[in-house]
């Protein structure tokens, strides 16, 4: 799990995996508050869990994997 926690802002590094999943998208390193607002407006994504389970992002990930 250490490989996941270091992908989050410092304030979230000691959180449980459940807390990380329910954290706001901006808790991910490199995702700004502005980026999070765009994700909310375009896809109704407000949490890391929402982002990870969004069908469009899953389709894009599957396509990229198949293209490898």
PDB file of N, CA and C in Angstrom:
ATOM      1  N   UNK A   1       0.824  -1.198   0.000  1.00  0.00           N
ATOM      2  CA  UNK A   1       0.000   0.000   0.000  1.00  0.00           C
ATOM      3  C   UNK A   1       0.861   1.252   0.000  1.00  0.00           C
ATOM      4  N   UNK A   2       2.122   1.124   0.371  1.00  0.00           N
ATOM      5  CA  UNK A   2       2.997   2.294   0.366  1.00  0.00           C
ATOM      6  C   UNK A   2       3.081   2.915  -1.026  1.00  0.00           C
ATOM      7  N   UNK A   3       2.962   2.084  -2.067  1.00  0.00           N
ATOM      8  CA  UNK A   3       3.019   2.580  -3.425  1.00  0.00           C
ATOM      9  C   UNK A   3       1.844   3.470  -3.787  1.00  0.00           C
ATOM     10  N   UNK A   4       0.737   3.310  -3.110  1.00  0.00           N
ATOM     11  CA  UNK A   4      -0.453   4.135  -3.361  1.00  0.00           C
ATOM     12  C   UNK A   4      -0.396   5.410  -2.530  1.00  0.00           C
ATOM     13  N   UNK A   5      -0.071   5.263  -1.268  1.00  0.00           N
ATOM     14  CA  UNK A   5      -0.127   6.418  -0.368  1.00  0.00           C
ATOM     15  C   UNK A   5       0.789   7.554  -0.801  1.00  0.00           C
ATOM     16  N   UNK A   6       1.904   7.220  -1.454  1.00  0.00           N
ATOM     17  CA  UNK A   6       2.799   8.300  -1.874  1.00  0.00           C
ATOM     18  C   UNK A   6       2.304   9.018  -3.125  1.00  0.00           C
ATOM     19  N   UNK A   7       1.167   8.615  -3.633  1.00  0.00           N
ATOM     20  CA  UNK A   7       0.546   9.300  -4.766  1.00  0.00           C
ATOM     21  C   UNK A   7      -0.429  10.382  -4.300  1.00  0.00           C
ATOM     22  N   UNK A   8      -0.581  10.503  -2.998  1.00  0.00           N
ATOM     23  CA  UNK A   8      -1.495  11.475  -2.402  1.00  0.00           C
ATOM     24  C   UNK A   8      -0.715  12.611  -1.757  1.00  0.00           C
ATOM     25  N   UNK A   9      -1.377  13.745  -1.581  1.00  0.00           N
ATOM     26  CA  UNK A   9      -0.775  14.861  -0.864  1.00  0.00           C
ATOM     27  C   UNK A   9      -0.398  14.415   0.535  1.00  0.00           C
ATOM     28  N   UNK A  10       0.578  15.073   1.087  1.00  0.00           N
ATOM     29  CA  UNK A  10       1.143  14.699   2.391  1.00  0.00           C
ATOM     30  C   UNK A  10       0.069  14.529   3.475  1.00  0.00           C
ATOM     31  N   UNK A  11      -0.935  15.363   3.482  1.00  0.00           N
ATOM     32  CA  UNK A  11      -1.982  15.316   4.510  1.00  0.00           C
ATOM     33  C   UNK A  11      -2.756  13.995   4.483  1.00  0.00           C
ATOM     34  N   UNK A  12      -2.657  13.242   3.395  1.00  0.00           N
ATOM     35  CA  UNK A  12      -3.418  12.002   3.254  1.00  0.00           C
ATOM     36  C   UNK A  12      -2.556  10.749   3.378  1.00  0.00           C
ATOM     37  N   UNK A  13      -1.261  10.895   3.529  1.00  0.00           N
ATOM     38  CA  UNK A  13      -0.357   9.751   3.520  1.00  0.00           C
ATOM     39  C   UNK A  13      -0.573   8.772   4.672  1.00  0.00           C
ATOM     40  N   UNK A  14      -1.176   9.194   5.752  1.00  0.00           N
ATOM     41  CA  UNK A  14      -1.410   8.303   6.896  1.00  0.00           C
ATOM     42  C   UNK A  14      -2.845   7.788   6.960  1.00  0.00           C
ATOM     43  N   UNK A  15      -3.638   8.065   5.961  1.00  0.00           N
ATOM     44  CA  UNK A  15      -5.051   7.648   5.944  1.00  0.00           C
ATOM     45  C   UNK A  15      -5.166   6.183   5.535  1.00  0.00           C
ATOM     46  N   UNK A  16      -6.254   5.558   5.921  1.00  0.00           N
ATOM     47  CA  UNK A  16      -6.527   4.182   5.515  1.00  0.00           C
ATOM     48  C   UNK A  16      -6.920   4.165   4.038  1.00  0.00           C
ATOM     49  N   UNK A  17      -6.905   2.990   3.445  1.00  0.00           N
ATOM     50  CA  UNK A  17      -7.272   2.878   2.038  1.00  0.00           C
ATOM     51  C   UNK A  17      -8.719   3.315   1.809  1.00  0.00           C
ATOM     52  N   UNK A  18      -9.598   3.039   2.776  1.00  0.00           N
ATOM     53  CA  UNK A  18     -10.990   3.471   2.663  1.00  0.00           C
ATOM     54  C   UNK A  18     -11.090   4.995   2.684  1.00  0.00           C
ATOM     55  N   UNK A  19     -10.298   5.613   3.562  1.00  0.00           N
ATOM     56  CA  UNK A  19     -10.295   7.079   3.637  1.00  0.00           C
ATOM     57  C   UNK A  19      -9.726   7.683   2.355  1.00  0.00           C
ATOM     58  N   UNK A  20      -8.721   7.029   1.784  1.00  0.00           N
ATOM     59  CA  UNK A  20      -8.147   7.522   0.532  1.00  0.00           C
ATOM     60  C   UNK A  20      -9.172   7.445  -0.596  1.00  0.00           C
ATOM     61  N   UNK A  21      -9.920   6.364  -0.652  1.00  0.00           N
ATOM     62  CA  UNK A  21     -10.930   6.206  -1.695  1.00  0.00           C
ATOM     63  C   UNK A  21     -12.005   7.284  -1.594  1.00  0.00           C
ATOM     64  N   UNK A  22     -12.320   7.694  -0.379  1.00  0.00           N
ATOM     65  CA  UNK A  22     -13.360   8.698  -0.175  1.00  0.00           C
ATOM     66  C   UNK A  22     -12.809  10.123  -0.099  1.00  0.00           C
ATOM     67  N   UNK A  23     -11.501  10.263  -0.300  1.00  0.00           N
ATOM     68  CA  UNK A  23     -10.872  11.586  -0.263  1.00  0.00           C
ATOM     69  C   UNK A  23     -11.264  12.375  -1.513  1.00  0.00           C
ATOM     70  N   UNK A  24     -11.229  13.696  -1.412  1.00  0.00           N
ATOM     71  CA  UNK A  24     -11.503  14.505  -2.602  1.00  0.00           C
ATOM     72  C   UNK A  24     -10.444  14.253  -3.675  1.00  0.00           C
ATOM     73  N   UNK A  25     -10.824  14.402  -4.921  1.00  0.00           N
ATOM     74  CA  UNK A  25      -9.911  14.156  -6.033  1.00  0.00           C
ATOM     75  C   UNK A  25      -8.640  14.996  -5.906  1.00  0.00           C
ATOM     76  N   UNK A  26      -8.756  16.206  -5.394  1.00  0.00           N
ATOM     77  CA  UNK A  26      -7.603  17.090  -5.252  1.00  0.00           C
ATOM     78  C   UNK A  26      -6.588  16.564  -4.240  1.00  0.00           C
ATOM     79  N   UNK A  27      -6.919  15.510  -3.503  1.00  0.00           N
ATOM     80  CA  UNK A  27      -5.957  14.895  -2.580  1.00  0.00           C
ATOM     81  C   UNK A  27      -4.863  14.148  -3.334  1.00  0.00           C
ATOM     82  N   UNK A  28      -5.116  13.812  -4.598  1.00  0.00           N
ATOM     83  CA  UNK A  28      -4.103  13.156  -5.422  1.00  0.00           C
ATOM     84  C   UNK A  28      -3.031  14.161  -5.810  1.00  0.00           C
ATOM     85  N   UNK A  29      -1.775  13.745  -5.720  1.00  0.00           N
ATOM     86  CA  UNK A  29      -0.694  14.633  -6.119  1.00  0.00           C
ATOM     87  C   UNK A  29      -0.867  15.016  -7.582  1.00  0.00           C
ATOM     88  N   UNK A  30      -0.749  16.277  -7.866  1.00  0.00           N
ATOM     89  CA  UNK A  30      -0.834  16.767  -9.232  1.00  0.00           C
ATOM     90  C   UNK A  30      -2.231  17.158  -9.686  1.00  0.00           C
ATOM     91  N   UNK A  31      -3.231  16.909  -8.857  1.00  0.00           N
ATOM     92  CA  UNK A  31      -4.600  17.313  -9.196  1.00  0.00           C
ATOM     93  C   UNK A  31      -4.920  18.577  -8.398  1.00  0.00           C
ATOM     94  N   UNK A  32      -5.117  19.657  -9.104  1.00  0.00           N
ATOM     95  CA  UNK A  32      -5.381  20.936  -8.432  1.00  0.00           C
ATOM     96  C   UNK A  32      -6.859  21.050  -8.065  1.00  0.00           C
ATOM     97  N   UNK A  33      -7.168  22.041  -7.259  1.00  0.00           N
ATOM     98  CA  UNK A  33      -8.569  22.318  -6.938  1.00  0.00           C
ATOM     99  C   UNK A  33      -9.344  22.655  -8.211  1.00  0.00           C
ATOM    100  N   UNK A  34      -8.698  23.353  -9.126  1.00  0.00           N
ATOM    101  CA  UNK A  34      -9.341  23.686 -10.396  1.00  0.00           C
ATOM    102  C   UNK A  34      -9.634  22.443 -11.233  1.00  0.00           C
ATOM    103  N   UNK A  35      -8.659  21.519 -11.262  1.00  0.00           N
ATOM    104  CA  UNK A  35      -8.875  20.247 -11.966  1.00  0.00           C
ATOM    105  C   UNK A  35     -10.058  19.508 -11.354  1.00  0.00           C
ATOM    106  N   UNK A  36     -10.112  19.488 -10.027  1.00  0.00           N
ATOM    107  CA  UNK A  36     -11.194  18.800  -9.321  1.00  0.00           C
ATOM    108  C   UNK A  36     -12.546  19.427  -9.666  1.00  0.00           C
ATOM    109  N   UNK A  37     -12.595  20.737  -9.774  1.00  0.00           N
ATOM    110  CA  UNK A  37     -13.842  21.413 -10.140  1.00  0.00           C
ATOM    111  C   UNK A  37     -14.278  21.030 -11.550  1.00  0.00           C
ATOM    112  N   UNK A  38     -13.317  20.911 -12.472  1.00  0.00           N
ATOM    113  CA  UNK A  38     -13.648  20.498 -13.838  1.00  0.00           C
ATOM    114  C   UNK A  38     -14.192  19.070 -13.861  1.00  0.00           C
ATOM    115  N   UNK A  39     -13.570  18.175 -13.090  1.00  0.00           N
ATOM    116  CA  UNK A  39     -14.059  16.793 -13.029  1.00  0.00           C
ATOM    117  C   UNK A  39     -15.464  16.728 -12.450  1.00  0.00           C
ATOM    118  N   UNK A  40     -15.719  17.579 -11.457  1.00  0.00           N
ATOM    119  CA  UNK A  40     -17.054  17.610 -10.858  1.00  0.00           C
ATOM    120  C   UNK A  40     -18.082  18.114 -11.869  1.00  0.00           C
ATOM    121  N   UNK A  41     -17.746  19.188 -12.555  1.00  0.00           N
ATOM    122  CA  UNK A  41     -18.688  19.781 -13.510  1.00  0.00           C
ATOM    123  C   UNK A  41     -18.943  18.863 -14.705  1.00  0.00           C
ATOM    124  N   UNK A  42     -17.904  18.227 -15.205  1.00  0.00           N
ATOM    125  CA  UNK A  42     -18.039  17.423 -16.421  1.00  0.00           C
ATOM    126  C   UNK A  42     -18.559  16.014 -16.170  1.00  0.00           C
ATOM    127  N   UNK A  43     -18.134  15.415 -15.045  1.00  0.00           N
ATOM    128  CA  UNK A  43     -18.431  14.001 -14.824  1.00  0.00           C
ATOM    129  C   UNK A  43     -19.058  13.691 -13.470  1.00  0.00           C
ATOM    130  N   UNK A  44     -19.344  14.713 -12.677  1.00  0.00           N
ATOM    131  CA  UNK A  44     -19.869  14.536 -11.320  1.00  0.00           C
ATOM    132  C   UNK A  44     -18.935  13.690 -10.456  1.00  0.00           C
ATOM    133  N   UNK A  45     -17.627  13.875 -10.654  1.00  0.00           N
ATOM    134  CA  UNK A  45     -16.606  13.166  -9.883  1.00  0.00           C
ATOM    135  C   UNK A  45     -16.141  14.071  -8.757  1.00  0.00           C
ATOM    136  N   UNK A  46     -16.308  13.604  -7.517  1.00  0.00           N
ATOM    137  CA  UNK A  46     -15.869  14.406  -6.368  1.00  0.00           C
ATOM    138  C   UNK A  46     -14.865  13.668  -5.497  1.00  0.00           C
ATOM    139  N   UNK A  47     -14.801  12.342  -5.594  1.00  0.00           N
ATOM    140  CA  UNK A  47     -13.883  11.572  -4.757  1.00  0.00           C
ATOM    141  C   UNK A  47     -12.949  10.727  -5.622  1.00  0.00           C
ATOM    142  N   UNK A  48     -11.900  10.230  -5.004  1.00  0.00           N
ATOM    143  CA  UNK A  48     -10.979   9.325  -5.681  1.00  0.00           C
ATOM    144  C   UNK A  48     -11.729   8.075  -6.133  1.00  0.00           C
ATOM    145  N   UNK A  49     -12.646   7.590  -5.316  1.00  0.00           N
ATOM    146  CA  UNK A  49     -13.457   6.420  -5.689  1.00  0.00           C
ATOM    147  C   UNK A  49     -14.272   6.712  -6.950  1.00  0.00           C
ATOM    148  N   UNK A  50     -14.885   7.893  -7.019  1.00  0.00           N
ATOM    149  CA  UNK A  50     -15.643   8.282  -8.209  1.00  0.00           C
ATOM    150  C   UNK A  50     -14.751   8.253  -9.451  1.00  0.00           C
ATOM    151  N   UNK A  51     -13.558   8.788  -9.311  1.00  0.00           N
ATOM    152  CA  UNK A  51     -12.625   8.841 -10.429  1.00  0.00           C
ATOM    153  C   UNK A  51     -12.238   7.434 -10.879  1.00  0.00           C
ATOM    154  N   UNK A  52     -11.954   6.569  -9.907  1.00  0.00           N
ATOM    155  CA  UNK A  52     -11.502   5.222 -10.220  1.00  0.00           C
ATOM    156  C   UNK A  52     -12.576   4.305 -10.759  1.00  0.00           C
ATOM    157  N   UNK A  53     -13.822   4.682 -10.606  1.00  0.00           N
ATOM    158  CA  UNK A  53     -14.910   3.829 -11.073  1.00  0.00           C
ATOM    159  C   UNK A  53     -15.713   4.473 -12.215  1.00  0.00           C
ATOM    160  N   UNK A  54     -15.271   5.614 -12.678  1.00  0.00           N
ATOM    161  CA  UNK A  54     -15.970   6.287 -13.775  1.00  0.00           C
ATOM    162  C   UNK A  54     -15.826   5.479 -15.055  1.00  0.00           C
ATOM    163  N   UNK A  55     -16.941   5.196 -15.718  1.00  0.00           N
ATOM    164  CA  UNK A  55     -16.917   4.312 -16.883  1.00  0.00           C
ATOM    165  C   UNK A  55     -16.050   4.849 -18.012  1.00  0.00           C
ATOM    166  N   UNK A  56     -16.016   6.150 -18.205  1.00  0.00           N
ATOM    167  CA  UNK A  56     -15.212   6.701 -19.291  1.00  0.00           C
ATOM    168  C   UNK A  56     -13.723   6.516 -19.033  1.00  0.00           C
ATOM    169  N   UNK A  57     -13.309   6.693 -17.789  1.00  0.00           N
ATOM    170  CA  UNK A  57     -11.908   6.496 -17.441  1.00  0.00           C
ATOM    171  C   UNK A  57     -11.543   5.013 -17.496  1.00  0.00           C
ATOM    172  N   UNK A  58     -12.472   4.144 -17.103  1.00  0.00           N
ATOM    173  CA  UNK A  58     -12.233   2.701 -17.193  1.00  0.00           C
ATOM    174  C   UNK A  58     -12.125   2.262 -18.652  1.00  0.00           C
ATOM    175  N   UNK A  59     -12.973   2.796 -19.519  1.00  0.00           N
ATOM    176  CA  UNK A  59     -12.908   2.468 -20.946  1.00  0.00           C
ATOM    177  C   UNK A  59     -11.574   2.927 -21.540  1.00  0.00           C
ATOM    178  N   UNK A  60     -11.156   4.121 -21.182  1.00  0.00           N
ATOM    179  CA  UNK A  60      -9.890   4.645 -21.697  1.00  0.00           C
ATOM    180  C   UNK A  60      -8.712   3.789 -21.207  1.00  0.00           C
ATOM    181  N   UNK A  61      -8.747   3.395 -19.946  1.00  0.00           N
ATOM    182  CA  UNK A  61      -7.686   2.549 -19.397  1.00  0.00           C
ATOM    183  C   UNK A  61      -7.647   1.198 -20.106  1.00  0.00           C
ATOM    184  N   UNK A  62      -8.802   0.593 -20.326  1.00  0.00           N
ATOM    185  CA  UNK A  62      -8.872  -0.699 -21.007  1.00  0.00           C
ATOM    186  C   UNK A  62      -8.347  -0.585 -22.435  1.00  0.00           C
ATOM    187  N   UNK A  63      -8.695   0.494 -23.114  1.00  0.00           N
ATOM    188  CA  UNK A  63      -8.238   0.693 -24.483  1.00  0.00           C
ATOM    189  C   UNK A  63      -6.714   0.837 -24.510  1.00  0.00           C
ATOM    190  N   UNK A  64      -6.173   1.615 -23.601  1.00  0.00           N
ATOM    191  CA  UNK A  64      -4.727   1.802 -23.544  1.00  0.00           C
ATOM    192  C   UNK A  64      -4.010   0.483 -23.259  1.00  0.00           C
ATOM    193  N   UNK A  65      -4.570  -0.335 -22.348  1.00  0.00           N
ATOM    194  CA  UNK A  65      -3.971  -1.631 -22.025  1.00  0.00           C
ATOM    195  C   UNK A  65      -4.001  -2.559 -23.229  1.00  0.00           C
ATOM    196  N   UNK A  66      -5.125  -2.606 -23.926  1.00  0.00           N
ATOM    197  CA  UNK A  66      -5.241  -3.461 -25.101  1.00  0.00           C
ATOM    198  C   UNK A  66      -4.278  -3.018 -26.212  1.00  0.00           C
ATOM    199  N   UNK A  67      -4.012  -1.727 -26.278  1.00  0.00           N
ATOM    200  CA  UNK A  67      -3.115  -1.203 -27.309  1.00  0.00           C
ATOM    201  C   UNK A  67      -1.646  -1.547 -27.029  1.00  0.00           C
ATOM    202  N   UNK A  68      -1.347  -1.930 -25.797  1.00  0.00           N
ATOM    203  CA  UNK A  68       0.042  -2.312 -25.457  1.00  0.00           C
ATOM    204  C   UNK A  68       0.364  -3.550 -26.179  1.00  0.00           C
TER     205      UNK A  68
END
